[in-house]
Amino acid sequence: MKQLFGRDFKGKVSVALYLTITICALFLPILSYVLLFVPTLLWVIPDRRIEKFYNP
């Protein structure tokens, strides 16, 4: 699994986005609701590494 997920771009970007959304919620709550949609879209897209691993 470590080899498969060595460079986990989605995970790192998601954490950064959630931290940004949390801070943004203190000052601009409406913008934070809009930004919550971004990580959701990021994870809806299938990860090609998993597809390659299970369907060689």
C-alpha atoms as a PDB file:
ATOM      1  CA  MET A   1       0.000   0.000   0.000  1.00  0.00           C
ATOM      2  CA  LYS A   2       2.854   2.384   0.722  1.00  0.00           C
ATOM      3  CA  GLN A   3       4.169   1.839  -2.773  1.00  0.00           C
ATOM      4  CA  LEU A   4       0.707   2.401  -4.217  1.00  0.00           C
ATOM      5  CA  PHE A   5       0.021   5.581  -2.242  1.00  0.00           C
ATOM      6  CA  GLY A   6       3.584   6.910  -1.944  1.00  0.00           C
ATOM      7  CA  ARG A   7       2.719  10.321  -3.334  1.00  0.00           C
ATOM      8  CA  ASP A   8      -0.794  10.965  -2.104  1.00  0.00           C
ATOM      9  CA  PHE A   9      -1.615  14.266  -3.806  1.00  0.00           C
ATOM     10  CA  LYS A  10      -5.330  14.115  -3.016  1.00  0.00           C
ATOM     11  CA  GLY A  11      -4.713  13.523   0.670  1.00  0.00           C
ATOM     12  CA  LYS A  12      -2.279  16.405   1.037  1.00  0.00           C
ATOM     13  CA  VAL A  13      -4.437  18.800  -0.955  1.00  0.00           C
ATOM     14  CA  SER A  14      -7.528  17.782   1.028  1.00  0.00           C
ATOM     15  CA  VAL A  15      -5.857  18.514   4.357  1.00  0.00           C
ATOM     16  CA  ALA A  16      -4.676  21.905   3.101  1.00  0.00           C
ATOM     17  CA  LEU A  17      -8.134  22.726   1.764  1.00  0.00           C
ATOM     18  CA  TYR A  18      -9.876  21.722   4.991  1.00  0.00           C
ATOM     19  CA  LEU A  19      -7.489  23.886   7.026  1.00  0.00           C
ATOM     20  CA  THR A  20      -8.130  26.798   4.677  1.00  0.00           C
ATOM     21  CA  ILE A  21     -11.878  26.231   4.864  1.00  0.00           C
ATOM     22  CA  THR A  22     -11.765  26.144   8.670  1.00  0.00           C
ATOM     23  CA  ILE A  23      -9.903  29.446   8.865  1.00  0.00           C
ATOM     24  CA  CYS A  24     -12.114  30.963   6.170  1.00  0.00           C
ATOM     25  CA  ALA A  25     -15.232  29.948   8.116  1.00  0.00           C
ATOM     26  CA  LEU A  26     -14.251  32.358  10.893  1.00  0.00           C
ATOM     27  CA  PHE A  27     -14.291  35.360   8.572  1.00  0.00           C
ATOM     28  CA  LEU A  28     -16.315  34.450   5.465  1.00  0.00           C
ATOM     29  CA  PRO A  29     -18.712  31.611   6.283  1.00  0.00           C
ATOM     30  CA  ILE A  30     -20.451  31.668   2.903  1.00  0.00           C
ATOM     31  CA  LEU A  31     -17.141  31.244   1.083  1.00  0.00           C
ATOM     32  CA  SER A  32     -16.290  28.294   3.299  1.00  0.00           C
ATOM     33  CA  TYR A  33     -19.499  26.554   2.211  1.00  0.00           C
ATOM     34  CA  VAL A  34     -18.552  27.053  -1.410  1.00  0.00           C
ATOM     35  CA  LEU A  35     -15.007  25.806  -0.798  1.00  0.00           C
ATOM     36  CA  LEU A  36     -16.311  22.636   0.862  1.00  0.00           C
ATOM     37  CA  PHE A  37     -17.470  21.543  -2.566  1.00  0.00           C
ATOM     38  CA  VAL A  38     -13.874  21.408  -3.914  1.00  0.00           C
ATOM     39  CA  PRO A  39     -12.525  18.493  -1.821  1.00  0.00           C
ATOM     40  CA  THR A  40     -15.743  16.616  -2.497  1.00  0.00           C
ATOM     41  CA  LEU A  41     -15.189  16.911  -6.234  1.00  0.00           C
ATOM     42  CA  LEU A  42     -11.558  15.938  -5.766  1.00  0.00           C
ATOM     43  CA  TRP A  43     -12.526  12.630  -4.159  1.00  0.00           C
ATOM     44  CA  VAL A  44     -15.389  11.865  -6.551  1.00  0.00           C
ATOM     45  CA  ILE A  45     -12.900  11.559  -9.400  1.00  0.00           C
ATOM     46  CA  PRO A  46     -11.539   7.968  -9.376  1.00  0.00           C
ATOM     47  CA  ASP A  47      -7.904   7.508  -8.435  1.00  0.00           C
ATOM     48  CA  ARG A  48      -6.024   6.058 -11.410  1.00  0.00           C
ATOM     49  CA  ARG A  49      -3.468   4.341  -9.187  1.00  0.00           C
ATOM     50  CA  ILE A  50      -6.180   2.183  -7.665  1.00  0.00           C
ATOM     51  CA  GLU A  51      -7.687   1.457 -11.063  1.00  0.00           C
ATOM     52  CA  LYS A  52      -4.294   0.304 -12.385  1.00  0.00           C
ATOM     53  CA  PHE A  53      -3.661  -1.819  -9.296  1.00  0.00           C
ATOM     54  CA  TYR A  54      -6.939  -3.718  -9.464  1.00  0.00           C
ATOM     55  CA  ASN A  55      -7.286  -3.829 -13.260  1.00  0.00           C
ATOM     56  CA  PRO A  56      -3.837  -4.575 -14.739  1.00  0.00           C
END
